[in-house]
PDB file of N, CA and C in Angstrom:
ATOM      1  N   UNK A   1     -12.165 -15.859  32.980  1.00  0.00           N
ATOM      2  CA  UNK A   1     -12.940 -14.239  31.895  1.00  0.00           C
ATOM      3  C   UNK A   1     -14.112 -15.348  31.393  1.00  0.00           C
ATOM      4  N   UNK A   2     -15.459 -14.842  31.559  1.00  0.00           N
ATOM      5  CA  UNK A   2     -16.915 -15.871  31.221  1.00  0.00           C
ATOM      6  C   UNK A   2     -17.122 -14.780  31.099  1.00  0.00           C
ATOM      7  N   UNK A   3     -17.623 -15.463  29.300  1.00  0.00           N
ATOM      8  CA  UNK A   3     -18.688 -14.598  28.797  1.00  0.00           C
ATOM      9  C   UNK A   3     -20.102 -14.749  29.334  1.00  0.00           C
ATOM     10  N   UNK A   4     -20.783 -13.164  28.984  1.00  0.00           N
ATOM     11  CA  UNK A   4     -21.862 -13.239  29.325  1.00  0.00           C
ATOM     12  C   UNK A   4     -22.910 -13.014  27.979  1.00  0.00           C
ATOM     13  N   UNK A   5     -22.113 -13.198  26.743  1.00  0.00           N
ATOM     14  CA  UNK A   5     -22.739 -12.771  25.323  1.00  0.00           C
ATOM     15  C   UNK A   5     -22.775 -14.287  25.033  1.00  0.00           C
ATOM     16  N   UNK A   6     -23.924 -14.102  23.669  1.00  0.00           N
ATOM     17  CA  UNK A   6     -24.166 -15.413  22.388  1.00  0.00           C
ATOM     18  C   UNK A   6     -22.464 -14.418  21.194  1.00  0.00           C
ATOM     19  N   UNK A   7     -22.382 -16.278  21.407  1.00  0.00           N
ATOM     20  CA  UNK A   7     -20.888 -15.879  20.000  1.00  0.00           C
ATOM     21  C   UNK A   7     -21.176 -15.001  19.420  1.00  0.00           C
ATOM     22  N   UNK A   8     -22.108 -14.911  18.506  1.00  0.00           N
ATOM     23  CA  UNK A   8     -22.746 -14.047  17.540  1.00  0.00           C
ATOM     24  C   UNK A   8     -22.528 -12.610  18.020  1.00  0.00           C
ATOM     25  N   UNK A   9     -22.826 -12.122  19.571  1.00  0.00           N
ATOM     26  CA  UNK A   9     -22.497 -11.243  19.968  1.00  0.00           C
ATOM     27  C   UNK A   9     -21.492 -10.429  20.580  1.00  0.00           C
ATOM     28  N   UNK A  10     -20.287 -10.957  21.158  1.00  0.00           N
ATOM     29  CA  UNK A  10     -18.689 -11.087  21.109  1.00  0.00           C
ATOM     30  C   UNK A  10     -18.032 -11.314  21.018  1.00  0.00           C
ATOM     31  N   UNK A  11     -17.899 -12.973  19.801  1.00  0.00           N
ATOM     32  CA  UNK A  11     -16.892 -13.868  18.933  1.00  0.00           C
ATOM     33  C   UNK A  11     -16.169 -12.965  17.757  1.00  0.00           C
ATOM     34  N   UNK A  12     -17.973 -12.344  17.241  1.00  0.00           N
ATOM     35  CA  UNK A  12     -17.407 -11.558  15.641  1.00  0.00           C
ATOM     36  C   UNK A  12     -16.859 -10.515  15.811  1.00  0.00           C
ATOM     37  N   UNK A  13     -16.230 -10.447  15.437  1.00  0.00           N
ATOM     38  CA  UNK A  13     -15.412  -8.651  15.821  1.00  0.00           C
ATOM     39  C   UNK A  13     -15.866  -7.864  13.591  1.00  0.00           C
ATOM     40  N   UNK A  14     -16.214  -9.054  12.722  1.00  0.00           N
ATOM     41  CA  UNK A  14     -16.970  -8.969  11.395  1.00  0.00           C
ATOM     42  C   UNK A  14     -18.426  -8.005  11.422  1.00  0.00           C
ATOM     43  N   UNK A  15     -19.151  -6.968  11.172  1.00  0.00           N
ATOM     44  CA  UNK A  15     -20.106  -6.932  11.003  1.00  0.00           C
ATOM     45  C   UNK A  15     -21.285  -7.846  10.577  1.00  0.00           C
ATOM     46  N   UNK A  16     -20.386  -8.046   9.221  1.00  0.00           N
ATOM     47  CA  UNK A  16     -21.219  -9.596   8.219  1.00  0.00           C
ATOM     48  C   UNK A  16     -20.326  -9.820   7.629  1.00  0.00           C
ATOM     49  N   UNK A  17     -20.646 -10.932   6.431  1.00  0.00           N
ATOM     50  CA  UNK A  17     -20.225 -11.252   5.369  1.00  0.00           C
ATOM     51  C   UNK A  17     -19.877  -9.988   4.254  1.00  0.00           C
ATOM     52  N   UNK A  18     -18.641  -9.815   4.173  1.00  0.00           N
ATOM     53  CA  UNK A  18     -17.759  -9.129   3.124  1.00  0.00           C
ATOM     54  C   UNK A  18     -17.901  -9.203   1.927  1.00  0.00           C
ATOM     55  N   UNK A  19     -17.699  -8.793   0.787  1.00  0.00           N
ATOM     56  CA  UNK A  19     -17.850  -9.035  -1.080  1.00  0.00           C
ATOM     57  C   UNK A  19     -15.649  -8.667  -0.615  1.00  0.00           C
ATOM     58  N   UNK A  20     -15.178  -9.216  -1.553  1.00  0.00           N
ATOM     59  CA  UNK A  20     -14.359 -10.106  -1.521  1.00  0.00           C
ATOM     60  C   UNK A  20     -13.334  -8.337  -2.087  1.00  0.00           C
ATOM     61  N   UNK A  21     -14.700  -7.686  -2.998  1.00  0.00           N
ATOM     62  CA  UNK A  21     -13.958  -6.165  -2.920  1.00  0.00           C
ATOM     63  C   UNK A  21     -13.257  -5.151  -2.212  1.00  0.00           C
ATOM     64  N   UNK A  22     -14.783  -5.627  -1.202  1.00  0.00           N
ATOM     65  CA  UNK A  22     -14.453  -4.694   0.143  1.00  0.00           C
ATOM     66  C   UNK A  22     -13.682  -5.503   1.339  1.00  0.00           C
ATOM     67  N   UNK A  23     -13.175  -6.552   1.798  1.00  0.00           N
ATOM     68  CA  UNK A  23     -12.853  -7.242   1.435  1.00  0.00           C
ATOM     69  C   UNK A  23     -10.655  -6.486   1.539  1.00  0.00           C
ATOM     70  N   UNK A  24     -10.351  -6.843   0.329  1.00  0.00           N
ATOM     71  CA  UNK A  24      -9.253  -5.890   0.112  1.00  0.00           C
ATOM     72  C   UNK A  24      -8.595  -5.090   0.189  1.00  0.00           C
ATOM     73  N   UNK A  25     -10.135  -3.901  -0.126  1.00  0.00           N
ATOM     74  CA  UNK A  25      -9.947  -2.720   0.111  1.00  0.00           C
ATOM     75  C   UNK A  25      -9.815  -2.845   2.187  1.00  0.00           C
ATOM     76  N   UNK A  26     -10.544  -2.798   2.993  1.00  0.00           N
ATOM     77  CA  UNK A  26     -10.518  -2.985   4.472  1.00  0.00           C
ATOM     78  C   UNK A  26      -9.239  -3.026   4.578  1.00  0.00           C
ATOM     79  N   UNK A  27      -8.644  -4.482   4.581  1.00  0.00           N
ATOM     80  CA  UNK A  27      -7.081  -5.013   4.338  1.00  0.00           C
ATOM     81  C   UNK A  27      -5.978  -4.344   3.738  1.00  0.00           C
ATOM     82  N   UNK A  28      -6.258  -3.583   2.929  1.00  0.00           N
ATOM     83  CA  UNK A  28      -5.555  -2.410   2.074  1.00  0.00           C
ATOM     84  C   UNK A  28      -5.018  -1.037   3.672  1.00  0.00           C
ATOM     85  N   UNK A  29      -6.211  -1.437   3.505  1.00  0.00           N
ATOM     86  CA  UNK A  29      -6.168   0.065   5.084  1.00  0.00           C
ATOM     87  C   UNK A  29      -5.810  -0.269   6.784  1.00  0.00           C
ATOM     88  N   UNK A  30      -5.181  -1.774   6.633  1.00  0.00           N
ATOM     89  CA  UNK A  30      -5.345  -2.168   8.254  1.00  0.00           C
ATOM     90  C   UNK A  30      -3.871  -1.974   7.267  1.00  0.00           C
ATOM     91  N   UNK A  31      -3.930  -2.598   7.166  1.00  0.00           N
ATOM     92  CA  UNK A  31      -2.026  -3.116   6.378  1.00  0.00           C
ATOM     93  C   UNK A  31      -0.802  -0.776   6.292  1.00  0.00           C
ATOM     94  N   UNK A  32      -1.678  -0.329   5.293  1.00  0.00           N
ATOM     95  CA  UNK A  32      -1.512   1.219   5.697  1.00  0.00           C
ATOM     96  C   UNK A  32      -1.441   1.498   7.019  1.00  0.00           C
ATOM     97  N   UNK A  33      -2.441   0.788   8.574  1.00  0.00           N
ATOM     98  CA  UNK A  33      -2.322   1.165   9.726  1.00  0.00           C
ATOM     99  C   UNK A  33      -1.576   0.070  10.083  1.00  0.00           C
ATOM    100  N   UNK A  34      -1.358  -0.608   9.581  1.00  0.00           N
ATOM    101  CA  UNK A  34       0.086  -1.423  10.652  1.00  0.00           C
ATOM    102  C   UNK A  34       1.287  -0.542  10.473  1.00  0.00           C
ATOM    103  N   UNK A  35       1.648   0.190  10.193  1.00  0.00           N
ATOM    104  CA  UNK A  35       3.112   0.828  10.762  1.00  0.00           C
ATOM    105  C   UNK A  35       3.088   1.603  12.357  1.00  0.00           C
ATOM    106  N   UNK A  36       3.587   1.066  12.884  1.00  0.00           N
ATOM    107  CA  UNK A  36       3.793   2.024  14.434  1.00  0.00           C
ATOM    108  C   UNK A  36       3.497   3.644  14.189  1.00  0.00           C
ATOM    109  N   UNK A  37       4.844   4.035  13.154  1.00  0.00           N
ATOM    110  CA  UNK A  37       4.632   5.677  12.273  1.00  0.00           C
ATOM    111  C   UNK A  37       3.588   6.311  12.660  1.00  0.00           C
ATOM    112  N   UNK A  38       2.663   5.267  11.121  1.00  0.00           N
ATOM    113  CA  UNK A  38       1.499   5.907  10.161  1.00  0.00           C
ATOM    114  C   UNK A  38       0.318   6.594  11.696  1.00  0.00           C
ATOM    115  N   UNK A  39       0.880   4.908  12.793  1.00  0.00           N
ATOM    116  CA  UNK A  39      -0.668   5.142  14.090  1.00  0.00           C
ATOM    117  C   UNK A  39      -0.326   6.538  14.695  1.00  0.00           C
ATOM    118  N   UNK A  40       1.269   6.165  14.992  1.00  0.00           N
ATOM    119  CA  UNK A  40       1.258   7.757  15.668  1.00  0.00           C
ATOM    120  C   UNK A  40       1.431   9.272  14.764  1.00  0.00           C
ATOM    121  N   UNK A  41       1.121   9.453  13.535  1.00  0.00           N
ATOM    122  CA  UNK A  41       0.528  10.383  13.153  1.00  0.00           C
ATOM    123  C   UNK A  41      -1.269  10.173  13.202  1.00  0.00           C
ATOM    124  N   UNK A  42      -1.496   9.681  12.963  1.00  0.00           N
ATOM    125  CA  UNK A  42      -3.140   9.579  12.724  1.00  0.00           C
ATOM    126  C   UNK A  42      -3.454  10.232  13.937  1.00  0.00           C
ATOM    127  N   UNK A  43      -2.392   8.879  14.962  1.00  0.00           N
ATOM    128  CA  UNK A  43      -3.170   9.890  16.805  1.00  0.00           C
ATOM    129  C   UNK A  43      -2.982  11.295  16.817  1.00  0.00           C
ATOM    130  N   UNK A  44      -1.673  11.514  16.464  1.00  0.00           N
ATOM    131  CA  UNK A  44      -1.221  13.175  17.014  1.00  0.00           C
ATOM    132  C   UNK A  44      -2.004  14.388  15.922  1.00  0.00           C
ATOM    133  N   UNK A  45      -2.795  13.407  14.144  1.00  0.00           N
ATOM    134  CA  UNK A  45      -3.136  14.454  13.723  1.00  0.00           C
ATOM    135  C   UNK A  45      -4.347  15.088  14.387  1.00  0.00           C
ATOM    136  N   UNK A  46      -4.732  14.257  15.027  1.00  0.00           N
ATOM    137  CA  UNK A  46      -5.932  14.419  15.367  1.00  0.00           C
ATOM    138  C   UNK A  46      -7.748  15.171  13.930  1.00  0.00           C
ATOM    139  N   UNK A  47      -8.163  15.830  13.749  1.00  0.00           N
ATOM    140  CA  UNK A  47      -9.257  16.871  12.765  1.00  0.00           C
ATOM    141  C   UNK A  47      -8.314  17.509  11.995  1.00  0.00           C
ATOM    142  N   UNK A  48      -7.681  18.350  12.850  1.00  0.00           N
ATOM    143  CA  UNK A  48      -6.262  19.428  13.044  1.00  0.00           C
ATOM    144  C   UNK A  48      -5.740  19.137  11.650  1.00  0.00           C
ATOM    145  N   UNK A  49      -5.325  20.286  10.679  1.00  0.00           N
ATOM    146  CA  UNK A  49      -4.682  19.591   9.802  1.00  0.00           C
ATOM    147  C   UNK A  49      -3.695  20.352  10.214  1.00  0.00           C
ATOM    148  N   UNK A  50      -2.398  19.708   9.916  1.00  0.00           N
ATOM    149  CA  UNK A  50      -0.827  19.458   9.774  1.00  0.00           C
ATOM    150  C   UNK A  50       0.086  20.230   8.520  1.00  0.00           C
ATOM    151  N   UNK A  51       0.929  20.387   9.025  1.00  0.00           N
ATOM    152  CA  UNK A  51       1.577  19.939   8.171  1.00  0.00           C
ATOM    153  C   UNK A  51       2.838  18.882   9.133  1.00  0.00           C
ATOM    154  N   UNK A  52       4.060  18.705   7.668  1.00  0.00           N
ATOM    155  CA  UNK A  52       5.234  17.821   8.093  1.00  0.00           C
ATOM    156  C   UNK A  52       5.788  18.489   9.205  1.00  0.00           C
ATOM    157  N   UNK A  53       6.857  19.830   9.059  1.00  0.00           N
ATOM    158  CA  UNK A  53       7.074  19.913  10.417  1.00  0.00           C
ATOM    159  C   UNK A  53       6.982  19.698  11.392  1.00  0.00           C
ATOM    160  N   UNK A  54       4.709  20.475  11.997  1.00  0.00           N
ATOM    161  CA  UNK A  54       4.472  20.038  12.374  1.00  0.00           C
ATOM    162  C   UNK A  54       4.060  18.802  13.070  1.00  0.00           C
ATOM    163  N   UNK A  55       3.976  18.026  12.429  1.00  0.00           N
ATOM    164  CA  UNK A  55       4.574  16.405  12.661  1.00  0.00           C
ATOM    165  C   UNK A  55       5.617  15.803  12.949  1.00  0.00           C
ATOM    166  N   UNK A  56       6.916  16.033  12.353  1.00  0.00           N
ATOM    167  CA  UNK A  56       8.066  16.246  12.610  1.00  0.00           C
ATOM    168  C   UNK A  56       8.182  16.358  13.775  1.00  0.00           C
ATOM    169  N   UNK A  57       8.231  17.470  14.410  1.00  0.00           N
ATOM    170  CA  UNK A  57       8.711  17.972  15.895  1.00  0.00           C
ATOM    171  C   UNK A  57       7.688  17.276  15.897  1.00  0.00           C
ATOM    172  N   UNK A  58       6.527  17.261  16.991  1.00  0.00           N
ATOM    173  CA  UNK A  58       5.537  16.874  17.766  1.00  0.00           C
ATOM    174  C   UNK A  58       5.793  15.181  17.665  1.00  0.00           C
ATOM    175  N   UNK A  59       6.402  14.239  16.811  1.00  0.00           N
ATOM    176  CA  UNK A  59       6.899  13.189  17.124  1.00  0.00           C
ATOM    177  C   UNK A  59       8.412  12.980  17.481  1.00  0.00           C
ATOM    178  N   UNK A  60       8.979  13.992  16.819  1.00  0.00           N
ATOM    179  CA  UNK A  60      10.219  13.733  16.922  1.00  0.00           C
ATOM    180  C   UNK A  60      11.198  12.319  16.090  1.00  0.00           C
ATOM    181  N   UNK A  61      10.906  13.543  14.903  1.00  0.00           N
ATOM    182  CA  UNK A  61      10.962  11.991  13.780  1.00  0.00           C
ATOM    183  C   UNK A  61      11.858  13.596  12.548  1.00  0.00           C
ATOM    184  N   UNK A  62      12.182  12.944  11.877  1.00  0.00           N
ATOM    185  CA  UNK A  62      12.747  13.614  10.827  1.00  0.00           C
ATOM    186  C   UNK A  62      11.817  14.313   9.870  1.00  0.00           C
ATOM    187  N   UNK A  63      11.379  14.986   9.364  1.00  0.00           N
ATOM    188  CA  UNK A  63      11.448  15.538   8.313  1.00  0.00           C
ATOM    189  C   UNK A  63      10.345  14.312   6.634  1.00  0.00           C
ATOM    190  N   UNK A  64      12.125  13.857   6.666  1.00  0.00           N
ATOM    191  CA  UNK A  64      11.867  13.039   5.450  1.00  0.00           C
ATOM    192  C   UNK A  64      10.624  11.790   5.424  1.00  0.00           C
ATOM    193  N   UNK A  65      11.120  10.946   7.298  1.00  0.00           N
ATOM    194  CA  UNK A  65      10.265   9.969   7.898  1.00  0.00           C
ATOM    195  C   UNK A  65       9.116  10.715   7.330  1.00  0.00           C
ATOM    196  N   UNK A  66       8.648  11.532   8.198  1.00  0.00           N
ATOM    197  CA  UNK A  66       7.457  11.592   8.326  1.00  0.00           C
ATOM    198  C   UNK A  66       6.778  11.796   6.658  1.00  0.00           C
ATOM    199  N   UNK A  67       7.147  12.619   5.623  1.00  0.00           N
ATOM    200  CA  UNK A  67       6.560  12.817   4.817  1.00  0.00           C
ATOM    201  C   UNK A  67       6.190  11.825   4.134  1.00  0.00           C
ATOM    202  N   UNK A  68       7.513  10.386   3.544  1.00  0.00           N
ATOM    203  CA  UNK A  68       7.372   9.135   3.626  1.00  0.00           C
ATOM    204  C   UNK A  68       6.045   8.721   4.032  1.00  0.00           C
ATOM    205  N   UNK A  69       6.117   8.317   5.529  1.00  0.00           N
ATOM    206  CA  UNK A  69       4.475   8.066   5.646  1.00  0.00           C
ATOM    207  C   UNK A  69       3.051   8.401   6.031  1.00  0.00           C
ATOM    208  N   UNK A  70       3.575   9.604   5.791  1.00  0.00           N
ATOM    209  CA  UNK A  70       2.069  10.784   5.118  1.00  0.00           C
ATOM    210  C   UNK A  70       1.050  10.179   3.905  1.00  0.00           C
ATOM    211  N   UNK A  71       2.616  10.272   2.335  1.00  0.00           N
ATOM    212  CA  UNK A  71       2.817  10.447   1.644  1.00  0.00           C
ATOM    213  C   UNK A  71       1.517   8.744   1.734  1.00  0.00           C
ATOM    214  N   UNK A  72       1.997   7.818   2.673  1.00  0.00           N
ATOM    215  CA  UNK A  72       1.268   6.153   2.200  1.00  0.00           C
ATOM    216  C   UNK A  72       0.081   6.235   3.278  1.00  0.00           C
ATOM    217  N   UNK A  73       0.558   7.789   4.049  1.00  0.00           N
ATOM    218  CA  UNK A  73      -1.679   7.506   4.135  1.00  0.00           C
ATOM    219  C   UNK A  73      -2.500   8.534   3.032  1.00  0.00           C
ATOM    220  N   UNK A  74      -1.796   9.125   2.520  1.00  0.00           N
ATOM    221  CA  UNK A  74      -2.423  10.130   1.551  1.00  0.00           C
ATOM    222  C   UNK A  74      -2.906   8.652   0.594  1.00  0.00           C
ATOM    223  N   UNK A  75      -1.832   8.084   0.482  1.00  0.00           N
ATOM    224  CA  UNK A  75      -2.286   6.935  -0.904  1.00  0.00           C
ATOM    225  C   UNK A  75      -3.676   6.192  -0.916  1.00  0.00           C
ATOM    226  N   UNK A  76      -3.331   6.134   0.940  1.00  0.00           N
ATOM    227  CA  UNK A  76      -3.846   4.547   1.332  1.00  0.00           C
ATOM    228  C   UNK A  76      -5.885   5.414   0.949  1.00  0.00           C
ATOM    229  N   UNK A  77      -5.966   6.795   1.067  1.00  0.00           N
ATOM    230  CA  UNK A  77      -7.453   7.676   1.220  1.00  0.00           C
ATOM    231  C   UNK A  77      -7.229   7.718   2.989  1.00  0.00           C
ATOM    232  N   UNK A  78      -5.799   8.365   3.299  1.00  0.00           N
ATOM    233  CA  UNK A  78      -6.870   8.417   5.259  1.00  0.00           C
ATOM    234  C   UNK A  78      -6.653   9.083   5.253  1.00  0.00           C
ATOM    235  N   UNK A  79      -5.710  10.212   4.532  1.00  0.00           N
ATOM    236  CA  UNK A  79      -5.432  11.707   4.776  1.00  0.00           C
ATOM    237  C   UNK A  79      -6.144  12.335   3.577  1.00  0.00           C
ATOM    238  N   UNK A  80      -5.859  13.430   3.144  1.00  0.00           N
ATOM    239  CA  UNK A  80      -6.114  13.814   2.401  1.00  0.00           C
ATOM    240  C   UNK A  80      -4.563  15.445   2.360  1.00  0.00           C
ATOM    241  N   UNK A  81      -4.332  15.508   1.343  1.00  0.00           N
ATOM    242  CA  UNK A  81      -3.334  16.739   1.284  1.00  0.00           C
ATOM    243  C   UNK A  81      -4.025  18.018   0.677  1.00  0.00           C
ATOM    244  N   UNK A  82      -3.638  19.034   1.439  1.00  0.00           N
ATOM    245  CA  UNK A  82      -4.608  20.073   0.223  1.00  0.00           C
ATOM    246  C   UNK A  82      -3.142  21.201   0.473  1.00  0.00           C
ATOM    247  N   UNK A  83      -3.518  21.838  -0.319  1.00  0.00           N
ATOM    248  CA  UNK A  83      -1.943  22.593  -0.577  1.00  0.00           C
ATOM    249  C   UNK A  83      -3.050  24.922   0.120  1.00  0.00           C
ATOM    250  N   UNK A  84      -2.071  25.025   0.692  1.00  0.00           N
ATOM    251  CA  UNK A  84      -2.484  26.338   1.336  1.00  0.00           C
ATOM    252  C   UNK A  84      -1.391  27.261   1.574  1.00  0.00           C
ATOM    253  N   UNK A  85      -1.568  28.347   0.100  1.00  0.00           N
ATOM    254  CA  UNK A  85      -0.742  28.679  -0.046  1.00  0.00           C
ATOM    255  C   UNK A  85       0.324  27.857  -0.253  1.00  0.00           C
ATOM    256  N   UNK A  86       2.119  28.811   0.617  1.00  0.00           N
ATOM    257  CA  UNK A  86       2.995  28.112   0.130  1.00  0.00           C
ATOM    258  C   UNK A  86       3.459  26.829   1.070  1.00  0.00           C
ATOM    259  N   UNK A  87       2.368  26.088   1.388  1.00  0.00           N
ATOM    260  CA  UNK A  87       1.915  25.785   2.872  1.00  0.00           C
ATOM    261  C   UNK A  87       0.969  24.156   2.270  1.00  0.00           C
ATOM    262  N   UNK A  88       1.615  22.719   2.905  1.00  0.00           N
ATOM    263  CA  UNK A  88       1.517  21.643   2.545  1.00  0.00           C
ATOM    264  C   UNK A  88       0.223  20.873   3.682  1.00  0.00           C
ATOM    265  N   UNK A  89      -0.865  21.373   3.861  1.00  0.00           N
ATOM    266  CA  UNK A  89      -2.001  20.959   5.396  1.00  0.00           C
ATOM    267  C   UNK A  89      -2.500  19.510   4.885  1.00  0.00           C
ATOM    268  N   UNK A  90      -2.204  18.818   5.682  1.00  0.00           N
ATOM    269  CA  UNK A  90      -2.735  17.539   5.488  1.00  0.00           C
ATOM    270  C   UNK A  90      -3.619  17.501   6.725  1.00  0.00           C
ATOM    271  N   UNK A  91      -5.043  15.961   5.996  1.00  0.00           N
ATOM    272  CA  UNK A  91      -5.121  16.224   7.609  1.00  0.00           C
ATOM    273  C   UNK A  91      -6.714  14.981   6.775  1.00  0.00           C
ATOM    274  N   UNK A  92      -7.241  14.393   8.203  1.00  0.00           N
ATOM    275  CA  UNK A  92      -7.534  12.799   8.193  1.00  0.00           C
ATOM    276  C   UNK A  92      -8.819  12.736   7.327  1.00  0.00           C
ATOM    277  N   UNK A  93      -9.409  11.631   6.741  1.00  0.00           N
ATOM    278  CA  UNK A  93     -10.624  11.852   5.778  1.00  0.00           C
ATOM    279  C   UNK A  93     -11.342  10.586   7.091  1.00  0.00           C
ATOM    280  N   UNK A  94     -12.301  11.429   7.416  1.00  0.00           N
ATOM    281  CA  UNK A  94     -13.161  10.676   8.349  1.00  0.00           C
ATOM    282  C   UNK A  94     -14.201   9.399   8.373  1.00  0.00           C
ATOM    283  N   UNK A  95     -14.620   9.493   6.731  1.00  0.00           N
ATOM    284  CA  UNK A  95     -15.251   8.574   5.860  1.00  0.00           C
ATOM    285  C   UNK A  95     -14.182   7.449   6.039  1.00  0.00           C
ATOM    286  N   UNK A  96     -12.888   7.273   5.687  1.00  0.00           N
ATOM    287  CA  UNK A  96     -11.910   6.429   5.681  1.00  0.00           C
ATOM    288  C   UNK A  96     -11.873   5.520   6.898  1.00  0.00           C
ATOM    289  N   UNK A  97     -12.294   5.670   8.040  1.00  0.00           N
ATOM    290  CA  UNK A  97     -12.447   4.944   9.448  1.00  0.00           C
ATOM    291  C   UNK A  97     -13.465   4.855   9.973  1.00  0.00           C
ATOM    292  N   UNK A  98     -14.689   5.818   9.251  1.00  0.00           N
ATOM    293  CA  UNK A  98     -15.939   5.278   9.471  1.00  0.00           C
ATOM    294  C   UNK A  98     -16.417   3.839   8.656  1.00  0.00           C
ATOM    295  N   UNK A  99     -15.162   3.406   7.680  1.00  0.00           N
ATOM    296  CA  UNK A  99     -15.597   1.983   7.201  1.00  0.00           C
ATOM    297  C   UNK A  99     -14.704   1.079   7.675  1.00  0.00           C
ATOM    298  N   UNK A 100     -13.642   1.212   8.684  1.00  0.00           N
ATOM    299  CA  UNK A 100     -12.644   0.532   8.811  1.00  0.00           C
ATOM    300  C   UNK A 100     -13.828  -0.095  10.346  1.00  0.00           C
ATOM    301  N   UNK A 101     -14.237   0.764  10.333  1.00  0.00           N
ATOM    302  CA  UNK A 101     -15.300   0.800  12.728  1.00  0.00           C
ATOM    303  C   UNK A 101     -16.405   0.268  11.556  1.00  0.00           C
ATOM    304  N   UNK A 102     -17.082   0.271  10.697  1.00  0.00           N
ATOM    305  CA  UNK A 102     -18.042  -0.501  10.056  1.00  0.00           C
ATOM    306  C   UNK A 102     -17.694  -2.016   9.795  1.00  0.00           C
ATOM    307  N   UNK A 103     -16.753  -2.212   8.824  1.00  0.00           N
ATOM    308  CA  UNK A 103     -16.234  -3.214   9.325  1.00  0.00           C
ATOM    309  C   UNK A 103     -15.370  -4.031  10.952  1.00  0.00           C
ATOM    310  N   UNK A 104     -15.088  -3.500  11.478  1.00  0.00           N
ATOM    311  CA  UNK A 104     -15.207  -4.667  12.891  1.00  0.00           C
ATOM    312  C   UNK A 104     -16.515  -4.634  13.594  1.00  0.00           C
ATOM    313  N   UNK A 105     -16.900  -3.604  13.030  1.00  0.00           N
ATOM    314  CA  UNK A 105     -18.894  -3.549  14.047  1.00  0.00           C
ATOM    315  C   UNK A 105     -18.235  -2.657  15.361  1.00  0.00           C
ATOM    316  N   UNK A 106     -17.448  -1.575  15.266  1.00  0.00           N
ATOM    317  CA  UNK A 106     -17.425  -0.600  16.415  1.00  0.00           C
ATOM    318  C   UNK A 106     -18.367   0.194  16.070  1.00  0.00           C
ATOM    319  N   UNK A 107     -18.773   1.272  17.153  1.00  0.00           N
ATOM    320  CA  UNK A 107     -19.348   2.060  17.388  1.00  0.00           C
ATOM    321  C   UNK A 107     -20.221   2.431  18.339  1.00  0.00           C
TER     322      UNK A 107
END
């Protein structure tokens, strides 16, 4: 495969130099997303709020497994937890993913 761009255009995924704190923050988010189950949760959730029961059913996983992974996503700031009456809903935090897109210069 022959590249038709300059090295700066296609060989660097990163938008530019990162400070140490920016790199640590992004690495933490990537580490959280490095789990296949968490990626499946993010992909299945989309922009609509979902509860653990719905996610467990959609992914054919147990509720404790989904709860564990959703908690990790919440701790990382990728998902927010909202109490709606007796139900708990989880929703994606778009700004967290925009940060990752900026780091990777995807757009």
